[in-house]
Amino acid sequence: MLPPSGPGRIVIGSHVHGPAEKNKVSPFLVSTGVVALAEIGDKTQLLSLVLAARFKKPVPIILGIFVATLVNHGFAGAVGEWLSTAISPAIMKWAVVASFIGMAIWILIPDKLDDEEADTRRKFGVFLSTVITFFIAEMGDKTQIATVMLAARYQDFFGVVAGTTLGMMLANVPAVLVGHKFSGRLPTRTVHAVAAVIFLVLGVITLMQ
């Protein structure tokens, strides 16, 4: 027997679509926006600028960043989903809330690129050097931790990883193409402040659910 239909309820088959489900925010869009903002001025974006200045070959650099990000964030997303099943819902809820608040604070701290991370190995070629260097630089970085948190929060591996990867590309491709002229014109503090507010809002939403 099908559930009764009424105001604000749309019956499709045996499933009821109410206003809450209809207005649900897409994990893909949230992940894209948050990571794109968080990546501005981050050390991996600074690394993109360094690689572009050293090699002056944007296509293999962009492809290398894409591959490194996809693999890195795929791992981070898997960890996030595993945590959401391995930890009790109550503990997981508070852990995600605390992580979002911590990320909001962390993202306001200026980032620096270490000389060792900027030192690429020419013997590997442009593409492989970019993959190796970018993957290592992204380990433990803000955007990787954000991917773990988002995957744990939404339990949507493909949506989160696709979104965070797209966000990384939106921030880094212009950096590679335009180089140092691009980095100096961005209001990094303002962008990071917006990202921090988004993380705080996500934390509050998680707490209220």
N, C-alpha and C. Protein backbone atom coordinates (compact mmCIF):
# COMPACT_ATOMS: atom_id res chain seq x y z
N MET A 1 0.85 -1.20 0.00
CA MET A 1 0.00 0.00 0.00
C MET A 1 0.88 1.24 0.00
N LEU A 2 0.55 2.19 -0.88
CA LEU A 2 1.39 3.39 -1.01
C LEU A 2 1.06 4.39 0.08
N PRO A 3 2.05 5.11 0.57
CA PRO A 3 1.80 6.12 1.59
C PRO A 3 0.92 7.23 1.02
N PRO A 4 0.10 7.84 1.81
CA PRO A 4 -0.78 8.91 1.32
C PRO A 4 0.03 10.12 0.91
N SER A 5 -0.46 10.76 -0.14
CA SER A 5 0.21 11.98 -0.59
C SER A 5 -0.49 13.17 0.03
N GLY A 6 0.23 14.23 0.19
CA GLY A 6 -0.33 15.43 0.79
C GLY A 6 0.57 16.59 0.51
N PRO A 7 0.29 17.76 1.10
CA PRO A 7 1.11 18.95 0.86
C PRO A 7 2.56 18.70 1.24
N GLY A 8 3.45 19.01 0.34
CA GLY A 8 4.87 18.87 0.61
C GLY A 8 5.38 17.47 0.47
N ARG A 9 4.52 16.49 0.04
CA ARG A 9 4.94 15.11 -0.10
C ARG A 9 4.67 14.66 -1.52
N ILE A 10 5.69 14.11 -2.18
CA ILE A 10 5.56 13.63 -3.54
C ILE A 10 5.81 12.14 -3.54
N VAL A 11 4.85 11.37 -3.98
CA VAL A 11 4.97 9.92 -3.97
C VAL A 11 5.44 9.44 -5.33
N ILE A 12 6.58 8.73 -5.36
CA ILE A 12 7.10 8.13 -6.58
C ILE A 12 7.32 6.67 -6.29
N GLY A 13 6.47 5.83 -6.83
CA GLY A 13 6.56 4.41 -6.52
C GLY A 13 6.17 4.22 -5.07
N SER A 14 7.07 3.59 -4.31
CA SER A 14 6.80 3.36 -2.89
C SER A 14 7.63 4.25 -2.00
N HIS A 15 8.29 5.29 -2.63
CA HIS A 15 9.19 6.14 -1.86
C HIS A 15 8.58 7.52 -1.71
N VAL A 16 8.67 8.10 -0.53
CA VAL A 16 8.11 9.42 -0.26
C VAL A 16 9.21 10.46 -0.27
N HIS A 17 9.03 11.48 -1.07
CA HIS A 17 10.00 12.56 -1.14
C HIS A 17 9.40 13.77 -0.45
N GLY A 18 9.92 14.13 0.68
CA GLY A 18 9.44 15.28 1.43
C GLY A 18 10.33 16.47 1.23
N PRO A 19 9.98 17.63 1.82
CA PRO A 19 10.77 18.86 1.67
C PRO A 19 12.19 18.71 2.15
N ALA A 20 12.42 17.94 3.24
CA ALA A 20 13.79 17.82 3.78
C ALA A 20 14.70 17.14 2.79
N GLU A 21 14.19 16.05 2.13
CA GLU A 21 15.03 15.33 1.18
C GLU A 21 15.23 16.16 -0.09
N LYS A 22 14.19 16.87 -0.48
CA LYS A 22 14.26 17.67 -1.70
C LYS A 22 15.31 18.76 -1.58
N ASN A 23 15.43 19.33 -0.37
CA ASN A 23 16.35 20.44 -0.16
C ASN A 23 17.72 20.01 0.35
N LYS A 24 18.00 18.72 0.33
CA LYS A 24 19.27 18.22 0.83
C LYS A 24 20.43 18.75 -0.01
N VAL A 25 21.46 19.27 0.66
CA VAL A 25 22.61 19.83 -0.05
C VAL A 25 23.47 18.69 -0.60
N SER A 26 23.92 18.85 -1.82
CA SER A 26 24.72 17.81 -2.47
C SER A 26 26.11 17.73 -1.85
N PRO A 27 26.54 16.53 -1.40
CA PRO A 27 27.91 16.37 -0.89
C PRO A 27 28.95 16.77 -1.94
N PHE A 28 28.65 16.53 -3.21
CA PHE A 28 29.57 16.89 -4.29
C PHE A 28 29.79 18.40 -4.33
N LEU A 29 28.70 19.17 -4.27
CA LEU A 29 28.81 20.63 -4.36
C LEU A 29 29.49 21.20 -3.12
N VAL A 30 29.14 20.69 -1.94
CA VAL A 30 29.77 21.15 -0.69
C VAL A 30 31.26 20.86 -0.73
N SER A 31 31.63 19.65 -1.13
CA SER A 31 33.05 19.25 -1.17
C SER A 31 33.83 20.10 -2.17
N THR A 32 33.23 20.37 -3.32
CA THR A 32 33.89 21.19 -4.33
C THR A 32 34.16 22.60 -3.81
N GLY A 33 33.13 23.23 -3.25
CA GLY A 33 33.26 24.61 -2.79
C GLY A 33 34.22 24.76 -1.62
N VAL A 34 34.10 23.89 -0.63
CA VAL A 34 34.93 23.99 0.57
C VAL A 34 36.40 23.78 0.23
N VAL A 35 36.71 22.76 -0.55
CA VAL A 35 38.11 22.46 -0.86
C VAL A 35 38.70 23.51 -1.81
N ALA A 36 37.92 24.00 -2.75
CA ALA A 36 38.42 25.05 -3.65
C ALA A 36 38.83 26.29 -2.85
N LEU A 37 38.02 26.67 -1.87
CA LEU A 37 38.35 27.81 -1.02
C LEU A 37 39.54 27.52 -0.10
N ALA A 38 39.55 26.30 0.46
CA ALA A 38 40.63 25.93 1.38
C ALA A 38 41.98 25.85 0.67
N GLU A 39 41.96 25.54 -0.62
CA GLU A 39 43.21 25.36 -1.37
C GLU A 39 43.89 26.68 -1.72
N ILE A 40 43.12 27.78 -1.74
CA ILE A 40 43.70 29.08 -2.07
C ILE A 40 44.77 29.45 -1.06
N GLY A 41 45.99 29.64 -1.52
CA GLY A 41 47.11 30.00 -0.64
C GLY A 41 47.69 28.83 0.12
N ASP A 42 47.17 27.61 -0.11
CA ASP A 42 47.68 26.43 0.57
C ASP A 42 49.03 26.03 -0.02
N LYS A 43 49.78 25.20 0.71
CA LYS A 43 51.13 24.86 0.25
C LYS A 43 51.12 24.08 -1.06
N THR A 44 50.04 23.31 -1.31
CA THR A 44 49.99 22.58 -2.58
C THR A 44 49.72 23.53 -3.75
N GLN A 45 49.00 24.62 -3.49
CA GLN A 45 48.84 25.62 -4.56
C GLN A 45 50.16 26.35 -4.80
N LEU A 46 50.89 26.61 -3.71
CA LEU A 46 52.23 27.21 -3.87
C LEU A 46 53.14 26.27 -4.64
N LEU A 47 52.99 24.97 -4.39
CA LEU A 47 53.78 23.98 -5.13
C LEU A 47 53.42 24.01 -6.61
N SER A 48 52.15 24.19 -6.92
CA SER A 48 51.73 24.30 -8.32
C SER A 48 52.42 25.47 -9.01
N LEU A 49 52.54 26.57 -8.30
CA LEU A 49 53.23 27.75 -8.85
C LEU A 49 54.71 27.46 -9.10
N VAL A 50 55.34 26.75 -8.15
CA VAL A 50 56.76 26.42 -8.29
C VAL A 50 56.97 25.48 -9.47
N LEU A 51 56.14 24.46 -9.59
CA LEU A 51 56.26 23.51 -10.70
C LEU A 51 56.06 24.20 -12.04
N ALA A 52 55.10 25.11 -12.10
CA ALA A 52 54.84 25.83 -13.35
C ALA A 52 56.02 26.71 -13.73
N ALA A 53 56.64 27.34 -12.71
CA ALA A 53 57.79 28.22 -12.97
C ALA A 53 59.02 27.41 -13.39
N ARG A 54 59.19 26.22 -12.84
CA ARG A 54 60.39 25.41 -13.12
C ARG A 54 60.30 24.71 -14.47
N PHE A 55 59.15 24.09 -14.73
CA PHE A 55 59.06 23.24 -15.91
C PHE A 55 58.46 23.92 -17.13
N LYS A 56 57.56 24.91 -16.89
CA LYS A 56 56.93 25.65 -17.98
C LYS A 56 56.23 24.72 -18.98
N LYS A 57 55.64 23.64 -18.46
CA LYS A 57 54.87 22.70 -19.27
C LYS A 57 53.55 22.43 -18.54
N PRO A 58 52.54 23.27 -18.79
CA PRO A 58 51.31 23.20 -17.99
C PRO A 58 50.52 21.89 -18.13
N VAL A 59 50.48 21.30 -19.31
CA VAL A 59 49.64 20.11 -19.51
C VAL A 59 50.08 18.93 -18.64
N PRO A 60 51.37 18.50 -18.69
CA PRO A 60 51.76 17.38 -17.81
C PRO A 60 51.68 17.73 -16.33
N ILE A 61 51.86 19.00 -15.98
CA ILE A 61 51.74 19.41 -14.58
C ILE A 61 50.30 19.28 -14.12
N ILE A 62 49.35 19.75 -14.92
CA ILE A 62 47.93 19.67 -14.58
C ILE A 62 47.49 18.21 -14.47
N LEU A 63 47.93 17.38 -15.42
CA LEU A 63 47.59 15.95 -15.38
C LEU A 63 48.18 15.29 -14.14
N GLY A 64 49.41 15.67 -13.79
CA GLY A 64 50.06 15.12 -12.61
C GLY A 64 49.32 15.50 -11.34
N ILE A 65 48.88 16.76 -11.25
CA ILE A 65 48.11 17.22 -10.08
C ILE A 65 46.80 16.45 -9.98
N PHE A 66 46.15 16.23 -11.13
CA PHE A 66 44.88 15.51 -11.13
C PHE A 66 45.05 14.07 -10.62
N VAL A 67 46.06 13.37 -11.13
CA VAL A 67 46.29 11.98 -10.73
C VAL A 67 46.66 11.91 -9.26
N ALA A 68 47.57 12.78 -8.81
CA ALA A 68 47.99 12.77 -7.40
C ALA A 68 46.82 13.06 -6.47
N THR A 69 46.00 14.03 -6.85
CA THR A 69 44.84 14.40 -6.03
C THR A 69 43.82 13.27 -5.98
N LEU A 70 43.54 12.67 -7.13
CA LEU A 70 42.54 11.61 -7.19
C LEU A 70 42.95 10.42 -6.31
N VAL A 71 44.21 10.03 -6.39
CA VAL A 71 44.69 8.90 -5.59
C VAL A 71 44.70 9.27 -4.10
N ASN A 72 45.21 10.45 -3.79
CA ASN A 72 45.32 10.89 -2.40
C ASN A 72 43.94 11.03 -1.75
N HIS A 73 43.04 11.69 -2.44
CA HIS A 73 41.71 11.93 -1.89
C HIS A 73 40.86 10.67 -1.93
N GLY A 74 41.16 9.76 -2.87
CA GLY A 74 40.49 8.47 -2.85
C GLY A 74 40.81 7.71 -1.57
N PHE A 75 42.07 7.74 -1.19
CA PHE A 75 42.49 7.12 0.07
C PHE A 75 41.84 7.82 1.25
N ALA A 76 41.83 9.16 1.23
CA ALA A 76 41.25 9.92 2.34
C ALA A 76 39.76 9.66 2.45
N GLY A 77 39.06 9.58 1.31
CA GLY A 77 37.63 9.31 1.33
C GLY A 77 37.33 7.93 1.89
N ALA A 78 38.17 6.95 1.53
CA ALA A 78 37.99 5.59 2.04
C ALA A 78 38.17 5.55 3.56
N VAL A 79 39.16 6.30 4.05
CA VAL A 79 39.40 6.37 5.50
C VAL A 79 38.19 7.01 6.19
N GLY A 80 37.66 8.07 5.60
CA GLY A 80 36.50 8.74 6.18
C GLY A 80 35.29 7.84 6.26
N GLU A 81 35.02 7.10 5.19
CA GLU A 81 33.88 6.17 5.19
C GLU A 81 34.09 5.04 6.20
N TRP A 82 35.33 4.56 6.30
CA TRP A 82 35.62 3.49 7.27
C TRP A 82 35.39 3.98 8.69
N LEU A 83 35.82 5.20 8.98
CA LEU A 83 35.64 5.76 10.32
C LEU A 83 34.16 5.88 10.66
N SER A 84 33.34 6.21 9.66
CA SER A 84 31.91 6.39 9.91
C SER A 84 31.23 5.08 10.27
N THR A 85 31.83 3.95 9.88
CA THR A 85 31.25 2.64 10.21
C THR A 85 31.94 1.99 11.41
N ALA A 86 33.19 2.35 11.66
CA ALA A 86 33.95 1.72 12.73
C ALA A 86 33.69 2.35 14.09
N ILE A 87 33.22 3.59 14.08
CA ILE A 87 32.98 4.32 15.33
C ILE A 87 31.48 4.48 15.54
N SER A 88 31.05 4.43 16.77
CA SER A 88 29.62 4.57 17.07
C SER A 88 29.11 5.93 16.58
N PRO A 89 27.85 6.01 16.15
CA PRO A 89 27.30 7.26 15.61
C PRO A 89 27.45 8.45 16.54
N ALA A 90 27.25 8.24 17.84
CA ALA A 90 27.35 9.35 18.79
C ALA A 90 28.76 9.91 18.85
N ILE A 91 29.75 9.01 18.96
CA ILE A 91 31.15 9.44 19.01
C ILE A 91 31.55 10.07 17.68
N MET A 92 31.11 9.47 16.57
CA MET A 92 31.44 9.97 15.25
C MET A 92 30.89 11.39 15.05
N LYS A 93 29.69 11.61 15.54
CA LYS A 93 29.07 12.93 15.41
C LYS A 93 29.92 14.00 16.09
N TRP A 94 30.33 13.74 17.33
CA TRP A 94 31.14 14.73 18.05
C TRP A 94 32.54 14.87 17.45
N ALA A 95 33.07 13.77 16.93
CA ALA A 95 34.38 13.82 16.28
C ALA A 95 34.34 14.68 15.03
N VAL A 96 33.27 14.54 14.24
CA VAL A 96 33.13 15.34 13.02
C VAL A 96 32.93 16.81 13.36
N VAL A 97 32.10 17.07 14.38
CA VAL A 97 31.87 18.47 14.80
C VAL A 97 33.18 19.11 15.24
N ALA A 98 33.93 18.40 16.08
CA ALA A 98 35.22 18.93 16.56
C ALA A 98 36.19 19.13 15.40
N SER A 99 36.17 18.21 14.44
CA SER A 99 37.08 18.31 13.28
C SER A 99 36.75 19.53 12.42
N PHE A 100 35.45 19.77 12.21
CA PHE A 100 35.04 20.93 11.41
C PHE A 100 35.45 22.23 12.10
N ILE A 101 35.26 22.30 13.41
CA ILE A 101 35.65 23.50 14.15
C ILE A 101 37.17 23.68 14.12
N GLY A 102 37.90 22.56 14.31
CA GLY A 102 39.36 22.61 14.23
C GLY A 102 39.84 23.04 12.87
N MET A 103 39.18 22.56 11.82
CA MET A 103 39.56 22.95 10.46
C MET A 103 39.29 24.44 10.23
N ALA A 104 38.20 24.95 10.79
CA ALA A 104 37.88 26.38 10.64
C ALA A 104 38.99 27.25 11.24
N ILE A 105 39.57 26.79 12.34
CA ILE A 105 40.67 27.53 12.97
C ILE A 105 41.96 27.33 12.19
N TRP A 106 42.25 26.09 11.80
CA TRP A 106 43.49 25.76 11.10
C TRP A 106 43.62 26.49 9.77
N ILE A 107 42.49 26.65 9.08
CA ILE A 107 42.54 27.23 7.75
C ILE A 107 42.90 28.72 7.78
N LEU A 108 42.75 29.34 8.96
CA LEU A 108 43.10 30.76 9.09
C LEU A 108 44.60 30.97 9.30
N ILE A 109 45.34 29.88 9.54
CA ILE A 109 46.79 29.98 9.74
C ILE A 109 47.50 29.94 8.39
N PRO A 110 48.32 30.95 8.04
CA PRO A 110 49.02 30.97 6.76
C PRO A 110 49.88 29.74 6.55
N ASP A 111 49.93 29.26 5.32
CA ASP A 111 50.69 28.05 5.01
C ASP A 111 51.99 28.42 4.31
N LYS A 112 53.00 27.55 4.45
CA LYS A 112 54.29 27.75 3.80
C LYS A 112 54.71 26.48 3.09
N LEU A 113 55.48 26.65 2.05
CA LEU A 113 55.99 25.52 1.28
C LEU A 113 57.44 25.27 1.68
N ASP A 114 57.73 24.06 2.17
CA ASP A 114 59.09 23.71 2.55
C ASP A 114 59.97 23.53 1.32
N ASP A 115 61.25 23.81 1.48
CA ASP A 115 62.18 23.67 0.36
C ASP A 115 62.23 22.23 -0.13
N GLU A 116 62.14 21.28 0.79
CA GLU A 116 62.21 19.87 0.40
C GLU A 116 61.02 19.48 -0.45
N GLU A 117 59.85 20.02 -0.15
CA GLU A 117 58.65 19.71 -0.92
C GLU A 117 58.70 20.37 -2.28
N ALA A 118 59.36 21.50 -2.38
CA ALA A 118 59.45 22.20 -3.66
C ALA A 118 60.53 21.62 -4.56
N ASP A 119 61.42 20.81 -4.01
CA ASP A 119 62.53 20.25 -4.77
C ASP A 119 62.06 19.02 -5.55
N THR A 120 61.79 19.20 -6.83
CA THR A 120 61.31 18.11 -7.67
C THR A 120 62.49 17.38 -8.31
N ARG A 121 62.24 16.18 -8.76
CA ARG A 121 63.30 15.35 -9.33
C ARG A 121 63.17 15.30 -10.85
N ARG A 122 64.04 15.96 -11.52
CA ARG A 122 63.96 16.07 -12.97
C ARG A 122 64.11 14.72 -13.67
N LYS A 123 64.78 13.79 -13.05
CA LYS A 123 65.02 12.51 -13.71
C LYS A 123 63.73 11.73 -13.94
N PHE A 124 62.65 12.07 -13.21
CA PHE A 124 61.38 11.38 -13.38
C PHE A 124 60.54 11.98 -14.51
N GLY A 125 60.92 13.13 -15.01
CA GLY A 125 60.10 13.81 -16.00
C GLY A 125 59.07 14.70 -15.31
N VAL A 126 58.44 15.58 -16.10
CA VAL A 126 57.53 16.57 -15.53
C VAL A 126 56.30 15.91 -14.90
N PHE A 127 55.66 15.00 -15.62
CA PHE A 127 54.42 14.39 -15.13
C PHE A 127 54.66 13.60 -13.84
N LEU A 128 55.62 12.70 -13.84
CA LEU A 128 55.86 11.84 -12.67
C LEU A 128 56.39 12.65 -11.50
N SER A 129 57.22 13.65 -11.79
CA SER A 129 57.72 14.52 -10.71
C SER A 129 56.57 15.24 -10.03
N THR A 130 55.61 15.70 -10.84
CA THR A 130 54.44 16.39 -10.29
C THR A 130 53.60 15.44 -9.45
N VAL A 131 53.36 14.23 -9.95
CA VAL A 131 52.56 13.25 -9.21
C VAL A 131 53.19 12.96 -7.85
N ILE A 132 54.49 12.66 -7.86
CA ILE A 132 55.18 12.28 -6.62
C ILE A 132 55.21 13.44 -5.62
N THR A 133 55.63 14.61 -6.11
CA THR A 133 55.79 15.76 -5.23
C THR A 133 54.45 16.24 -4.68
N PHE A 134 53.44 16.30 -5.55
CA PHE A 134 52.13 16.79 -5.13
C PHE A 134 51.46 15.81 -4.16
N PHE A 135 51.62 14.52 -4.42
CA PHE A 135 51.03 13.51 -3.54
C PHE A 135 51.63 13.61 -2.14
N ILE A 136 52.95 13.73 -2.07
CA ILE A 136 53.64 13.83 -0.77
C ILE A 136 53.23 15.11 -0.04
N ALA A 137 53.16 16.23 -0.78
CA ALA A 137 52.80 17.51 -0.16
C ALA A 137 51.36 17.50 0.37
N GLU A 138 50.50 16.72 -0.28
CA GLU A 138 49.09 16.68 0.11
C GLU A 138 48.84 15.80 1.34
N MET A 139 49.81 14.93 1.67
CA MET A 139 49.65 14.06 2.84
C MET A 139 49.57 14.89 4.12
N GLY A 140 48.48 14.74 4.85
CA GLY A 140 48.30 15.49 6.09
C GLY A 140 47.96 16.94 5.90
N ASP A 141 47.72 17.35 4.66
CA ASP A 141 47.40 18.76 4.38
C ASP A 141 45.93 19.04 4.73
N LYS A 142 45.58 20.33 4.79
CA LYS A 142 44.22 20.73 5.14
C LYS A 142 43.18 20.07 4.24
N THR A 143 43.44 20.08 2.95
CA THR A 143 42.43 19.57 2.01
C THR A 143 42.28 18.05 2.11
N GLN A 144 43.35 17.34 2.45
CA GLN A 144 43.23 15.90 2.64
C GLN A 144 42.42 15.59 3.89
N ILE A 145 42.69 16.31 4.98
CA ILE A 145 41.94 16.12 6.22
C ILE A 145 40.47 16.49 6.01
N ALA A 146 40.24 17.56 5.23
CA ALA A 146 38.87 17.96 4.92
C ALA A 146 38.13 16.85 4.17
N THR A 147 38.84 16.16 3.28
CA THR A 147 38.23 15.06 2.53
C THR A 147 37.83 13.93 3.46
N VAL A 148 38.68 13.60 4.42
CA VAL A 148 38.36 12.56 5.41
C VAL A 148 37.10 12.96 6.18
N MET A 149 37.03 14.21 6.63
CA MET A 149 35.89 14.67 7.41
C MET A 149 34.61 14.67 6.60
N LEU A 150 34.69 15.15 5.35
CA LEU A 150 33.49 15.21 4.50
C LEU A 150 32.97 13.82 4.17
N ALA A 151 33.89 12.89 3.92
CA ALA A 151 33.48 11.51 3.63
C ALA A 151 32.82 10.88 4.85
N ALA A 152 33.36 11.17 6.03
CA ALA A 152 32.76 10.65 7.27
C ALA A 152 31.41 11.30 7.54
N ARG A 153 31.30 12.57 7.20
CA ARG A 153 30.06 13.32 7.44
C ARG A 153 28.93 12.87 6.51
N TYR A 154 29.22 12.74 5.24
CA TYR A 154 28.17 12.46 4.25
C TYR A 154 28.06 10.98 3.87
N GLN A 155 29.11 10.20 4.11
CA GLN A 155 29.13 8.77 3.74
C GLN A 155 28.79 8.60 2.25
N ASP A 156 29.39 9.45 1.43
CA ASP A 156 29.20 9.41 -0.02
C ASP A 156 30.59 9.47 -0.66
N PHE A 157 31.23 8.31 -0.79
CA PHE A 157 32.62 8.25 -1.24
C PHE A 157 32.81 8.95 -2.58
N PHE A 158 32.04 8.54 -3.58
CA PHE A 158 32.24 9.07 -4.93
C PHE A 158 31.89 10.55 -5.03
N GLY A 159 30.81 10.96 -4.37
CA GLY A 159 30.43 12.37 -4.41
C GLY A 159 31.46 13.26 -3.76
N VAL A 160 31.98 12.84 -2.60
CA VAL A 160 32.96 13.64 -1.88
C VAL A 160 34.30 13.68 -2.62
N VAL A 161 34.80 12.52 -3.04
CA VAL A 161 36.10 12.48 -3.73
C VAL A 161 36.05 13.22 -5.05
N ALA A 162 34.97 13.06 -5.80
CA ALA A 162 34.82 13.81 -7.05
C ALA A 162 34.77 15.31 -6.78
N GLY A 163 34.06 15.71 -5.72
CA GLY A 163 33.96 17.13 -5.38
C GLY A 163 35.27 17.73 -4.91
N THR A 164 35.98 17.02 -4.02
CA THR A 164 37.24 17.56 -3.53
C THR A 164 38.31 17.61 -4.63
N THR A 165 38.28 16.61 -5.52
CA THR A 165 39.22 16.62 -6.65
C THR A 165 38.93 17.79 -7.58
N LEU A 166 37.65 18.02 -7.88
CA LEU A 166 37.29 19.16 -8.72
C LEU A 166 37.68 20.47 -8.05
N GLY A 167 37.46 20.56 -6.74
CA GLY A 167 37.83 21.78 -6.02
C GLY A 167 39.33 22.05 -6.10
N MET A 168 40.13 21.01 -5.97
CA MET A 168 41.59 21.15 -6.10
C MET A 168 41.98 21.63 -7.49
N MET A 169 41.32 21.09 -8.51
CA MET A 169 41.65 21.47 -9.87
C MET A 169 41.22 22.91 -10.15
N LEU A 170 40.08 23.32 -9.62
CA LEU A 170 39.62 24.70 -9.82
C LEU A 170 40.59 25.71 -9.22
N ALA A 171 41.24 25.34 -8.11
CA ALA A 171 42.19 26.24 -7.46
C ALA A 171 43.57 26.18 -8.09
N ASN A 172 43.99 24.99 -8.56
CA ASN A 172 45.38 24.82 -8.99
C ASN A 172 45.61 25.01 -10.49
N VAL A 173 44.62 24.71 -11.31
CA VAL A 173 44.81 24.88 -12.76
C VAL A 173 45.10 26.34 -13.11
N PRO A 174 44.33 27.31 -12.59
CA PRO A 174 44.69 28.71 -12.88
C PRO A 174 46.08 29.06 -12.38
N ALA A 175 46.49 28.50 -11.23
CA ALA A 175 47.82 28.77 -10.70
C ALA A 175 48.90 28.28 -11.65
N VAL A 176 48.67 27.12 -12.26
CA VAL A 176 49.65 26.57 -13.21
C VAL A 176 49.67 27.39 -14.50
N LEU A 177 48.50 27.79 -14.98
CA LEU A 177 48.40 28.48 -16.26
C LEU A 177 48.88 29.93 -16.19
N VAL A 178 48.57 30.60 -15.09
CA VAL A 178 48.89 32.03 -14.99
C VAL A 178 50.15 32.27 -14.18
N GLY A 179 50.54 31.31 -13.35
CA GLY A 179 51.80 31.42 -12.62
C GLY A 179 51.74 32.42 -11.48
N HIS A 180 52.86 33.06 -11.22
CA HIS A 180 53.00 33.93 -10.05
C HIS A 180 52.10 35.17 -10.12
N LYS A 181 51.70 35.60 -11.32
CA LYS A 181 50.81 36.76 -11.45
C LYS A 181 49.46 36.47 -10.79
N PHE A 182 49.08 35.21 -10.78
CA PHE A 182 47.78 34.80 -10.23
C PHE A 182 47.77 34.85 -8.71
N SER A 183 48.84 34.39 -8.09
CA SER A 183 48.85 34.24 -6.64
C SER A 183 48.81 35.57 -5.89
N GLY A 184 49.44 36.60 -6.43
CA GLY A 184 49.53 37.85 -5.72
C GLY A 184 48.26 38.68 -5.73
N ARG A 185 47.29 38.33 -6.56
CA ARG A 185 46.08 39.14 -6.70
C ARG A 185 44.88 38.57 -5.95
N LEU A 186 45.02 37.43 -5.32
CA LEU A 186 43.90 36.82 -4.62
C LEU A 186 43.83 37.30 -3.17
N PRO A 187 42.65 37.68 -2.70
CA PRO A 187 42.49 38.06 -1.28
C PRO A 187 42.48 36.81 -0.40
N THR A 188 43.66 36.26 -0.16
CA THR A 188 43.77 34.96 0.51
C THR A 188 43.09 34.95 1.87
N ARG A 189 43.28 36.00 2.65
CA ARG A 189 42.69 36.03 3.99
C ARG A 189 41.17 36.01 3.92
N THR A 190 40.62 36.76 2.99
CA THR A 190 39.16 36.80 2.84
C THR A 190 38.62 35.45 2.42
N VAL A 191 39.29 34.83 1.46
CA VAL A 191 38.86 33.51 0.97
C VAL A 191 38.92 32.48 2.10
N HIS A 192 39.99 32.51 2.87
CA HIS A 192 40.12 31.57 3.98
C HIS A 192 39.09 31.84 5.08
N ALA A 193 38.75 33.11 5.27
CA ALA A 193 37.73 33.45 6.26
C ALA A 193 36.37 32.88 5.84
N VAL A 194 36.06 32.98 4.56
CA VAL A 194 34.81 32.41 4.03
C VAL A 194 34.79 30.90 4.23
N ALA A 195 35.93 30.25 3.90
CA ALA A 195 36.02 28.79 4.07
C ALA A 195 35.87 28.41 5.54
N ALA A 196 36.46 29.20 6.44
CA ALA A 196 36.35 28.92 7.87
C ALA A 196 34.90 29.00 8.33
N VAL A 197 34.17 29.99 7.82
CA VAL A 197 32.75 30.13 8.17
C VAL A 197 31.97 28.91 7.68
N ILE A 198 32.28 28.44 6.47
CA ILE A 198 31.59 27.27 5.92
C ILE A 198 31.84 26.05 6.80
N PHE A 199 33.09 25.86 7.22
CA PHE A 199 33.40 24.73 8.10
C PHE A 199 32.64 24.84 9.42
N LEU A 200 32.54 26.04 9.97
CA LEU A 200 31.80 26.23 11.21
C LEU A 200 30.32 25.90 11.01
N VAL A 201 29.77 26.35 9.90
CA VAL A 201 28.36 26.07 9.60
C VAL A 201 28.12 24.57 9.47
N LEU A 202 29.05 23.88 8.78
CA LEU A 202 28.94 22.43 8.64
C LEU A 202 28.98 21.75 10.01
N GLY A 203 29.85 22.26 10.90
CA GLY A 203 29.92 21.72 12.24
C GLY A 203 28.63 21.90 13.01
N VAL A 204 28.02 23.10 12.90
CA VAL A 204 26.75 23.37 13.59
C VAL A 204 25.64 22.49 13.04
N ILE A 205 25.59 22.35 11.70
CA ILE A 205 24.56 21.51 11.08
C ILE A 205 24.69 20.07 11.55
N THR A 206 25.93 19.58 11.60
CA THR A 206 26.16 18.21 12.07
C THR A 206 25.72 18.06 13.52
N LEU A 207 26.00 19.06 14.34
CA LEU A 207 25.64 19.01 15.76
C LEU A 207 24.11 18.99 15.95
N MET A 208 23.38 19.70 15.10
CA MET A 208 21.93 19.82 15.23
C MET A 208 21.19 18.61 14.71
N GLN A 209 21.85 17.76 13.93
CA GLN A 209 21.17 16.60 13.34
C GLN A 209 21.16 15.41 14.30
